[in-house]
N, C-alpha and C. Protein backbone atom coordinates (compact mmCIF):
# COMPACT_ATOMS: atom_id res chain seq x y z
N UNK A 1 43.15 2.07 -15.23
CA UNK A 1 41.95 1.59 -14.59
C UNK A 1 41.85 2.19 -13.19
N UNK A 2 40.66 2.71 -12.83
CA UNK A 2 40.44 3.32 -11.53
C UNK A 2 39.94 2.28 -10.54
N UNK A 3 40.34 2.46 -9.31
CA UNK A 3 39.93 1.55 -8.25
C UNK A 3 38.78 2.19 -7.47
N UNK A 4 37.74 1.42 -7.20
CA UNK A 4 36.59 1.89 -6.43
C UNK A 4 36.49 1.06 -5.16
N UNK A 5 36.38 1.74 -4.04
CA UNK A 5 36.23 1.07 -2.76
C UNK A 5 34.90 1.48 -2.14
N UNK A 6 34.14 0.51 -1.72
CA UNK A 6 32.85 0.76 -1.07
C UNK A 6 32.93 0.23 0.35
N UNK A 7 32.59 1.07 1.29
CA UNK A 7 32.55 0.66 2.69
C UNK A 7 31.11 0.73 3.17
N UNK A 8 30.66 -0.35 3.75
CA UNK A 8 29.28 -0.43 4.23
C UNK A 8 29.28 -0.28 5.74
N UNK A 9 28.44 0.62 6.22
CA UNK A 9 28.29 0.82 7.66
C UNK A 9 27.28 -0.22 8.15
N UNK A 10 27.78 -1.39 8.52
CA UNK A 10 26.91 -2.51 8.91
C UNK A 10 26.01 -2.16 10.09
N UNK A 11 26.52 -1.40 11.02
CA UNK A 11 25.72 -1.01 12.17
C UNK A 11 24.54 -0.15 11.77
N UNK A 12 24.77 0.78 10.86
CA UNK A 12 23.69 1.65 10.40
C UNK A 12 22.65 0.86 9.60
N UNK A 13 23.12 -0.05 8.75
CA UNK A 13 22.21 -0.89 7.97
C UNK A 13 21.36 -1.75 8.90
N UNK A 14 22.00 -2.36 9.89
CA UNK A 14 21.28 -3.21 10.85
C UNK A 14 20.25 -2.40 11.63
N UNK A 15 20.60 -1.18 12.02
CA UNK A 15 19.68 -0.33 12.77
C UNK A 15 18.47 0.04 11.92
N UNK A 16 18.69 0.32 10.65
CA UNK A 16 17.56 0.66 9.76
C UNK A 16 16.64 -0.55 9.56
N UNK A 17 17.24 -1.72 9.39
CA UNK A 17 16.44 -2.93 9.23
C UNK A 17 15.62 -3.20 10.48
N UNK A 18 16.24 -3.04 11.66
CA UNK A 18 15.52 -3.26 12.92
C UNK A 18 14.38 -2.26 13.06
N UNK A 19 14.63 -0.99 12.73
CA UNK A 19 13.59 0.03 12.81
C UNK A 19 12.43 -0.32 11.87
N UNK A 20 12.75 -0.78 10.67
CA UNK A 20 11.71 -1.19 9.73
C UNK A 20 10.92 -2.37 10.24
N UNK A 21 11.62 -3.36 10.78
CA UNK A 21 10.94 -4.55 11.31
C UNK A 21 10.05 -4.20 12.49
N UNK A 22 10.55 -3.35 13.39
CA UNK A 22 9.75 -2.95 14.55
C UNK A 22 8.47 -2.23 14.11
N UNK A 23 8.61 -1.32 13.15
CA UNK A 23 7.43 -0.59 12.65
C UNK A 23 6.45 -1.54 11.98
N UNK A 24 6.98 -2.49 11.23
CA UNK A 24 6.14 -3.44 10.52
C UNK A 24 5.36 -4.31 11.49
N UNK A 25 6.03 -4.84 12.49
CA UNK A 25 5.36 -5.73 13.45
C UNK A 25 4.24 -4.99 14.16
N UNK A 26 4.51 -3.78 14.61
CA UNK A 26 3.48 -3.01 15.33
C UNK A 26 2.30 -2.70 14.43
N UNK A 27 2.56 -2.28 13.20
CA UNK A 27 1.48 -1.90 12.29
C UNK A 27 0.62 -3.10 11.90
N UNK A 28 1.26 -4.20 11.56
CA UNK A 28 0.51 -5.39 11.17
C UNK A 28 -0.26 -5.95 12.36
N UNK A 29 0.36 -5.95 13.53
CA UNK A 29 -0.32 -6.45 14.73
C UNK A 29 -1.55 -5.63 15.07
N UNK A 30 -1.42 -4.32 14.96
CA UNK A 30 -2.56 -3.44 15.25
C UNK A 30 -3.73 -3.73 14.29
N UNK A 31 -3.42 -3.84 13.01
CA UNK A 31 -4.48 -4.11 12.03
C UNK A 31 -5.05 -5.52 12.21
N UNK A 32 -4.17 -6.49 12.47
CA UNK A 32 -4.62 -7.86 12.66
C UNK A 32 -5.54 -7.97 13.87
N UNK A 33 -5.21 -7.28 14.96
CA UNK A 33 -6.06 -7.31 16.15
C UNK A 33 -7.43 -6.73 15.83
N UNK A 34 -7.45 -5.62 15.14
CA UNK A 34 -8.73 -5.01 14.75
C UNK A 34 -9.53 -5.97 13.89
N UNK A 35 -8.88 -6.57 12.89
CA UNK A 35 -9.59 -7.49 12.00
C UNK A 35 -10.03 -8.75 12.71
N UNK A 36 -9.19 -9.30 13.57
CA UNK A 36 -9.57 -10.51 14.32
C UNK A 36 -10.77 -10.23 15.22
N UNK A 37 -10.74 -9.10 15.91
CA UNK A 37 -11.85 -8.77 16.80
C UNK A 37 -13.15 -8.51 16.04
N UNK A 38 -13.04 -8.18 14.78
CA UNK A 38 -14.24 -8.03 13.94
C UNK A 38 -14.99 -9.35 13.83
N UNK A 39 -14.26 -10.47 13.92
CA UNK A 39 -14.86 -11.80 13.79
C UNK A 39 -14.94 -12.54 15.13
N UNK A 40 -14.47 -11.93 16.20
CA UNK A 40 -14.47 -12.59 17.51
C UNK A 40 -15.89 -12.69 18.05
N UNK A 41 -16.10 -13.74 18.83
CA UNK A 41 -17.39 -13.89 19.50
C UNK A 41 -17.56 -12.75 20.50
N UNK A 42 -18.78 -12.28 20.62
CA UNK A 42 -19.03 -11.16 21.53
C UNK A 42 -20.35 -11.38 22.25
N UNK A 43 -20.28 -11.25 23.57
CA UNK A 43 -21.49 -11.31 24.38
C UNK A 43 -21.54 -10.02 25.20
N UNK A 44 -20.75 -9.97 26.24
CA UNK A 44 -20.69 -8.78 27.10
C UNK A 44 -19.51 -7.88 26.72
N UNK A 45 -18.60 -8.38 25.89
CA UNK A 45 -17.47 -7.57 25.44
C UNK A 45 -16.16 -7.84 26.14
N UNK A 46 -16.18 -8.66 27.19
CA UNK A 46 -14.95 -8.90 27.96
C UNK A 46 -13.87 -9.60 27.14
N UNK A 47 -14.27 -10.50 26.27
CA UNK A 47 -13.30 -11.23 25.47
C UNK A 47 -12.50 -10.27 24.58
N UNK A 48 -13.20 -9.44 23.86
CA UNK A 48 -12.54 -8.48 22.96
C UNK A 48 -11.76 -7.44 23.76
N UNK A 49 -12.33 -6.97 24.84
CA UNK A 49 -11.62 -5.99 25.69
C UNK A 49 -10.33 -6.58 26.23
N UNK A 50 -10.34 -7.87 26.55
CA UNK A 50 -9.12 -8.49 27.07
C UNK A 50 -8.00 -8.47 26.04
N UNK A 51 -8.36 -8.58 24.77
CA UNK A 51 -7.33 -8.56 23.72
C UNK A 51 -6.70 -7.19 23.59
N UNK A 52 -7.44 -6.17 23.90
CA UNK A 52 -6.93 -4.81 23.78
C UNK A 52 -5.96 -4.46 24.90
N UNK A 53 -6.07 -5.15 26.04
CA UNK A 53 -5.15 -4.88 27.15
C UNK A 53 -4.04 -5.93 27.26
N UNK A 54 -4.31 -7.17 26.87
CA UNK A 54 -3.33 -8.24 27.04
C UNK A 54 -2.36 -8.39 25.86
N UNK A 55 -2.73 -7.88 24.72
CA UNK A 55 -1.88 -8.01 23.54
C UNK A 55 -0.69 -7.06 23.63
N UNK A 56 0.43 -7.49 23.06
CA UNK A 56 1.63 -6.64 22.97
C UNK A 56 1.93 -6.45 21.49
N UNK A 57 1.38 -5.39 20.93
CA UNK A 57 1.47 -5.16 19.49
C UNK A 57 2.91 -4.94 19.03
N UNK A 58 3.74 -4.34 19.85
CA UNK A 58 5.14 -4.12 19.47
C UNK A 58 5.90 -5.43 19.31
N UNK A 59 5.45 -6.46 20.01
CA UNK A 59 6.08 -7.78 19.90
C UNK A 59 5.33 -8.69 18.94
N UNK A 60 4.19 -8.25 18.43
CA UNK A 60 3.41 -9.07 17.53
C UNK A 60 2.62 -10.15 18.25
N UNK A 61 2.29 -9.92 19.51
CA UNK A 61 1.57 -10.91 20.31
C UNK A 61 0.12 -10.47 20.49
N UNK A 62 -0.79 -11.24 19.93
CA UNK A 62 -2.21 -10.99 20.09
C UNK A 62 -2.73 -12.00 21.11
N UNK A 63 -3.35 -11.51 22.17
CA UNK A 63 -3.77 -12.37 23.27
C UNK A 63 -5.20 -12.03 23.67
N UNK A 64 -6.05 -13.03 23.76
CA UNK A 64 -7.39 -12.89 24.33
C UNK A 64 -7.30 -13.56 25.69
N UNK A 65 -7.38 -12.77 26.75
CA UNK A 65 -7.03 -13.23 28.09
C UNK A 65 -8.24 -13.30 29.01
N UNK A 66 -9.11 -14.24 28.73
CA UNK A 66 -10.22 -14.55 29.64
C UNK A 66 -10.16 -16.05 29.91
N UNK A 67 -10.75 -16.49 31.01
CA UNK A 67 -10.72 -17.92 31.31
C UNK A 67 -11.36 -18.80 30.23
N UNK A 68 -12.25 -18.22 29.46
CA UNK A 68 -13.00 -18.99 28.46
C UNK A 68 -12.54 -18.71 27.03
N UNK A 69 -11.51 -17.93 26.84
CA UNK A 69 -11.08 -17.52 25.49
C UNK A 69 -10.76 -18.71 24.60
N UNK A 70 -9.98 -19.65 25.10
CA UNK A 70 -9.57 -20.79 24.27
C UNK A 70 -10.78 -21.62 23.84
N UNK A 71 -11.67 -21.88 24.77
CA UNK A 71 -12.86 -22.67 24.43
C UNK A 71 -13.71 -21.93 23.40
N UNK A 72 -13.88 -20.63 23.57
CA UNK A 72 -14.67 -19.86 22.62
C UNK A 72 -14.02 -19.82 21.24
N UNK A 73 -12.70 -19.81 21.21
CA UNK A 73 -11.99 -19.74 19.94
C UNK A 73 -12.20 -21.01 19.10
N UNK A 74 -12.16 -22.16 19.78
CA UNK A 74 -12.17 -23.43 19.05
C UNK A 74 -13.52 -24.11 18.96
N UNK A 75 -14.46 -23.78 19.83
CA UNK A 75 -15.70 -24.57 19.86
C UNK A 75 -16.95 -23.70 19.93
N UNK A 76 -18.04 -24.35 19.69
CA UNK A 76 -19.35 -23.72 19.87
C UNK A 76 -19.83 -22.95 18.66
N UNK A 77 -21.11 -22.80 18.60
CA UNK A 77 -21.73 -22.01 17.54
C UNK A 77 -21.79 -20.56 18.02
N UNK A 78 -21.18 -19.66 17.28
CA UNK A 78 -21.19 -18.26 17.72
C UNK A 78 -22.58 -17.64 17.59
N UNK A 79 -22.94 -16.88 18.60
CA UNK A 79 -24.18 -16.12 18.53
C UNK A 79 -23.94 -14.90 17.64
N UNK A 80 -24.85 -14.65 16.74
CA UNK A 80 -24.73 -13.51 15.84
C UNK A 80 -25.56 -12.33 16.32
N UNK A 81 -26.16 -12.46 17.50
CA UNK A 81 -27.04 -11.42 18.01
C UNK A 81 -26.28 -10.11 18.28
N UNK A 82 -25.09 -10.19 18.82
CA UNK A 82 -24.31 -8.99 19.15
C UNK A 82 -23.30 -8.67 18.06
N UNK A 83 -22.69 -9.72 17.50
CA UNK A 83 -21.72 -9.53 16.41
C UNK A 83 -22.11 -10.43 15.25
N UNK A 84 -22.66 -9.86 14.22
CA UNK A 84 -23.13 -10.62 13.06
C UNK A 84 -21.99 -11.33 12.33
N UNK A 85 -20.74 -10.89 12.55
CA UNK A 85 -19.58 -11.48 11.90
C UNK A 85 -18.89 -12.55 12.75
N UNK A 86 -19.42 -12.82 13.94
CA UNK A 86 -18.77 -13.74 14.88
C UNK A 86 -18.54 -15.11 14.28
N UNK A 87 -17.38 -15.67 14.64
CA UNK A 87 -16.99 -16.98 14.11
C UNK A 87 -16.06 -17.66 15.10
N UNK A 88 -16.05 -18.99 15.09
CA UNK A 88 -14.97 -19.67 15.78
C UNK A 88 -13.72 -19.45 14.92
N UNK A 89 -12.56 -19.69 15.49
CA UNK A 89 -11.29 -19.51 14.77
C UNK A 89 -11.22 -18.13 14.12
N UNK A 90 -11.61 -17.10 14.88
CA UNK A 90 -11.76 -15.77 14.31
C UNK A 90 -10.48 -15.20 13.70
N UNK A 91 -9.32 -15.58 14.19
CA UNK A 91 -8.08 -15.08 13.57
C UNK A 91 -7.82 -15.73 12.21
N UNK A 92 -8.15 -16.99 12.08
CA UNK A 92 -8.00 -17.65 10.79
C UNK A 92 -8.94 -17.04 9.75
N UNK A 93 -10.16 -16.71 10.20
CA UNK A 93 -11.11 -16.06 9.31
C UNK A 93 -10.58 -14.68 8.90
N UNK A 94 -10.06 -13.94 9.87
CA UNK A 94 -9.51 -12.61 9.57
C UNK A 94 -8.33 -12.72 8.62
N UNK A 95 -7.46 -13.70 8.84
CA UNK A 95 -6.30 -13.86 7.96
C UNK A 95 -6.73 -14.22 6.55
N UNK A 96 -7.68 -15.13 6.42
CA UNK A 96 -8.16 -15.52 5.09
C UNK A 96 -8.80 -14.34 4.37
N UNK A 97 -9.45 -13.47 5.13
CA UNK A 97 -10.14 -12.33 4.53
C UNK A 97 -9.22 -11.14 4.29
N UNK A 98 -8.29 -10.91 5.20
CA UNK A 98 -7.50 -9.68 5.16
C UNK A 98 -5.99 -9.90 5.01
N UNK A 99 -5.57 -11.14 4.83
CA UNK A 99 -4.14 -11.45 4.77
C UNK A 99 -3.37 -10.65 3.72
N UNK A 100 -3.95 -10.46 2.56
CA UNK A 100 -3.27 -9.68 1.52
C UNK A 100 -3.11 -8.22 1.95
N UNK A 101 -4.11 -7.70 2.64
CA UNK A 101 -3.99 -6.33 3.16
C UNK A 101 -2.87 -6.25 4.19
N UNK A 102 -2.74 -7.27 5.03
CA UNK A 102 -1.68 -7.29 6.03
C UNK A 102 -0.32 -7.29 5.35
N UNK A 103 -0.20 -8.00 4.24
CA UNK A 103 1.06 -8.00 3.49
C UNK A 103 1.41 -6.60 3.01
N UNK A 104 0.42 -5.90 2.50
CA UNK A 104 0.65 -4.53 2.01
C UNK A 104 1.04 -3.60 3.15
N UNK A 105 0.37 -3.75 4.29
CA UNK A 105 0.71 -2.95 5.46
C UNK A 105 2.13 -3.26 5.90
N UNK A 106 2.51 -4.53 5.87
CA UNK A 106 3.86 -4.93 6.26
C UNK A 106 4.91 -4.26 5.37
N UNK A 107 4.71 -4.33 4.08
CA UNK A 107 5.67 -3.74 3.15
C UNK A 107 5.78 -2.23 3.35
N UNK A 108 4.65 -1.58 3.42
CA UNK A 108 4.63 -0.11 3.55
C UNK A 108 5.26 0.33 4.87
N UNK A 109 4.87 -0.29 5.97
CA UNK A 109 5.36 0.13 7.27
C UNK A 109 6.84 -0.21 7.46
N UNK A 110 7.31 -1.30 6.85
CA UNK A 110 8.73 -1.64 6.92
C UNK A 110 9.56 -0.54 6.26
N UNK A 111 9.16 -0.15 5.07
CA UNK A 111 9.90 0.89 4.35
C UNK A 111 9.83 2.22 5.10
N UNK A 112 8.65 2.57 5.60
CA UNK A 112 8.53 3.81 6.36
C UNK A 112 9.37 3.77 7.62
N UNK A 113 9.39 2.63 8.28
CA UNK A 113 10.18 2.47 9.51
C UNK A 113 11.68 2.58 9.25
N UNK A 114 12.11 2.19 8.06
CA UNK A 114 13.52 2.30 7.69
C UNK A 114 13.88 3.75 7.31
N UNK A 115 12.85 4.56 7.12
CA UNK A 115 13.10 5.95 6.75
C UNK A 115 13.30 6.15 5.26
N UNK A 116 12.72 5.24 4.46
CA UNK A 116 12.84 5.40 3.01
C UNK A 116 11.59 5.97 2.41
């Protein structure tokens, strides 16, 4: 009977997993921000513009950074004059509409980030 020994380079495996996770978070965050802003309320554009500068896509943090962002997110009837898709709770609407696509992006970008 022959003996087989397998040695796993745990550091290399961990590095590949981290690279995959980092790529996945950035890719999904970028798409989620685009999709959320598709449904965000829009008047002069400052709300959506704030998300493009305040968000940290590499960390998976989407932020709308205006003094009125929270109120606009949760309350009021959105005007459809500038954005016909505008909605309160715009990220929930985006997730309900595009969540399956985000899953596909996550899987694809994780594997690509791992180098497979």
